[in-house]
Amino acid sequence: MNQTAFAALAEAKKQTQIRWEQGGSFPGADALAAWARFGVDVLYVCTGVRSATQSNASSTPHLAPDEELLLARYRSSDQPIRDAALRVLLGNGEPQPVKKQVNVRADGGQAAGGDIVNKGERFEFKGRSKDEEGSKR
């Protein structure tokens, strides 16, 4: 997680975060409490010593910075935003097909048309050429 994102967890700016890191000023209790809500080991931030609950958290997998940011934003969002994020990420449990109508014409009067449907990993073309339609009449 970068300085800007970490500062944002405490509703601070990047420059404030830099001053905290350089020892020019120190985060207040409100910033420490905000970080604690996001799982930051506040004892470690203040003293450099890991708390017992954090040092025993080895069963929790390490998150990449983008995952930490996503989780932080999710946790700080109102319920409707959380619900919308889950709908987008989970797609209601099933991949949603994307359907496009395609029509192709070539010199000589040949034509084809149909639907191309994206179903996750595969594409399907459903349609007939103009010649096929004429022969079935």
Protein backbone atom coordinates (compact mmCIF):
# COMPACT_ATOMS: atom_id res chain seq x y z
CA MET A 1 0.00 0.00 0.00
CA ASN A 2 1.41 3.41 -0.88
CA GLN A 3 1.63 6.45 1.40
CA THR A 4 -1.40 8.15 -0.12
CA ALA A 5 -3.65 5.12 0.40
CA PHE A 6 -2.36 4.49 3.92
CA ALA A 7 -2.89 8.14 4.88
CA ALA A 8 -6.40 8.01 3.40
CA LEU A 9 -7.31 5.23 5.83
CA ALA A 10 -6.87 7.82 8.60
CA GLU A 11 -8.45 10.59 6.50
CA ALA A 12 -5.08 12.33 6.21
CA LYS A 13 -3.04 13.59 3.28
CA LYS A 14 0.19 12.14 1.87
CA GLN A 15 2.28 15.06 3.22
CA THR A 16 0.95 14.41 6.73
CA GLN A 17 1.88 10.74 6.34
CA ILE A 18 5.40 11.74 5.30
CA ARG A 19 5.76 14.03 8.35
CA TRP A 20 4.64 11.15 10.58
CA GLU A 21 7.20 8.83 9.02
CA GLN A 22 10.00 11.40 9.37
CA GLY A 23 9.13 12.14 13.01
CA GLY A 24 8.13 15.77 12.33
CA SER A 25 4.74 15.08 13.91
CA PHE A 26 2.87 12.07 15.21
CA PRO A 27 -0.50 10.55 14.36
CA GLY A 28 -3.25 11.19 16.89
CA ALA A 29 -5.49 8.65 18.54
CA ASP A 30 -8.13 9.12 15.85
CA ALA A 31 -5.65 8.11 13.11
CA LEU A 32 -4.44 5.12 15.14
CA ALA A 33 -8.02 4.02 15.78
CA ALA A 34 -8.83 4.32 12.06
CA TRP A 35 -5.83 2.19 11.15
CA ALA A 36 -6.76 -0.38 13.80
CA ARG A 37 -10.19 -0.73 12.16
CA PHE A 38 -8.37 -1.77 8.98
CA GLY A 39 -6.26 -4.36 10.78
CA VAL A 40 -3.08 -2.32 11.29
CA ASP A 41 -1.03 -3.41 14.31
CA VAL A 42 -1.14 -0.07 16.17
CA LEU A 43 1.25 -1.29 18.89
CA TYR A 44 3.83 -1.97 16.17
CA VAL A 45 3.27 1.49 14.63
CA CYS A 46 3.87 3.14 18.01
CA THR A 47 6.62 0.94 19.49
CA GLY A 48 8.05 -1.31 16.78
CA VAL A 49 6.93 -4.38 18.78
CA ARG A 50 4.30 -6.64 17.29
CA SER A 51 1.19 -7.25 19.36
CA ALA A 52 0.40 -10.82 20.38
CA THR A 53 -2.77 -10.95 18.26
CA GLN A 54 -0.94 -9.72 15.15
CA SER A 55 2.07 -12.02 15.56
CA ASN A 56 -0.29 -15.01 15.77
CA ALA A 57 -2.05 -14.01 12.57
CA SER A 58 0.25 -16.15 10.42
CA SER A 59 -2.77 -18.12 9.21
CA THR A 60 -4.00 -14.96 7.46
CA PRO A 61 -2.51 -14.79 3.96
CA HIS A 62 -0.48 -11.72 3.04
CA LEU A 63 -2.35 -9.36 0.76
CA ALA A 64 -0.82 -7.55 -2.18
CA PRO A 65 -1.01 -3.74 -1.99
CA ASP A 66 -3.88 -3.55 -4.49
CA GLU A 67 -5.80 -6.17 -2.48
CA GLU A 68 -5.21 -4.21 0.74
CA LEU A 69 -6.50 -1.04 -0.93
CA LEU A 70 -9.56 -2.85 -2.30
CA LEU A 71 -10.34 -4.34 1.11
CA ALA A 72 -9.81 -1.00 2.85
CA ARG A 73 -12.15 0.77 0.45
CA TYR A 74 -14.73 -2.01 0.77
CA ARG A 75 -14.65 -1.85 4.57
CA SER A 76 -15.00 1.94 4.59
CA SER A 77 -17.97 1.92 2.16
CA ASP A 78 -21.66 2.12 2.98
CA GLN A 79 -23.71 -1.07 2.59
CA PRO A 80 -25.20 -0.16 -0.84
CA ILE A 81 -21.68 0.33 -2.24
CA ARG A 82 -20.56 -2.98 -0.70
CA ASP A 83 -23.56 -4.74 -2.24
CA ALA A 84 -22.86 -3.22 -5.66
CA ALA A 85 -19.17 -4.21 -5.47
CA LEU A 86 -20.09 -7.79 -4.66
CA ARG A 87 -22.57 -7.91 -7.55
CA VAL A 88 -19.89 -6.67 -9.94
CA LEU A 89 -17.18 -9.00 -8.64
CA LEU A 90 -19.35 -12.08 -8.26
CA GLY A 91 -21.72 -11.53 -11.18
CA ASN A 92 -24.47 -13.08 -9.05
CA GLY A 93 -22.41 -16.28 -9.00
CA GLU A 94 -22.52 -16.91 -12.78
CA PRO A 95 -20.63 -15.33 -15.68
CA GLN A 96 -22.97 -13.06 -17.54
CA PRO A 97 -23.05 -13.71 -21.31
CA VAL A 98 -22.34 -10.73 -23.54
CA LYS A 99 -24.32 -10.83 -26.79
CA LYS A 100 -23.53 -8.87 -29.95
CA GLN A 101 -25.38 -8.93 -33.24
CA VAL A 102 -23.01 -9.28 -36.20
CA ASN A 103 -23.83 -8.91 -39.88
CA VAL A 104 -21.20 -9.49 -42.55
CA ARG A 105 -21.61 -8.67 -46.23
CA ALA A 106 -19.15 -9.46 -49.00
CA ASP A 107 -18.80 -8.63 -52.67
CA GLY A 108 -20.98 -10.88 -54.82
CA GLY A 109 -24.06 -10.62 -52.61
CA GLN A 110 -23.00 -13.12 -49.96
CA ALA A 111 -24.12 -12.23 -46.44
CA ALA A 112 -24.09 -13.76 -42.99
CA GLY A 113 -25.54 -12.61 -39.71
CA GLY A 114 -26.05 -13.84 -36.23
CA ASP A 115 -25.14 -13.43 -32.60
CA ILE A 116 -21.72 -13.75 -31.05
CA VAL A 117 -22.09 -14.66 -27.39
CA ASN A 118 -19.21 -14.41 -24.93
CA LYS A 119 -19.76 -17.05 -22.24
CA GLY A 120 -16.73 -16.62 -20.05
CA GLU A 121 -13.91 -18.51 -21.76
CA ARG A 122 -15.62 -19.31 -25.07
CA PHE A 123 -17.40 -17.56 -27.91
CA GLU A 124 -20.34 -18.94 -29.85
CA PHE A 125 -21.54 -17.80 -33.25
CA LYS A 126 -25.22 -18.46 -33.82
CA GLY A 127 -26.54 -17.60 -37.24
CA ARG A 128 -26.82 -18.61 -40.88
CA SER A 129 -25.49 -17.30 -44.13
CA LYS A 130 -27.92 -15.85 -46.67
CA ASP A 131 -27.34 -18.92 -48.91
CA GLU A 132 -28.32 -21.29 -46.04
CA GLU A 133 -31.52 -19.35 -45.37
CA GLY A 134 -32.46 -19.45 -49.08
CA SER A 135 -31.93 -23.20 -49.37
CA LYS A 136 -34.29 -23.91 -46.45
CA ARG A 137 -37.20 -22.02 -48.04
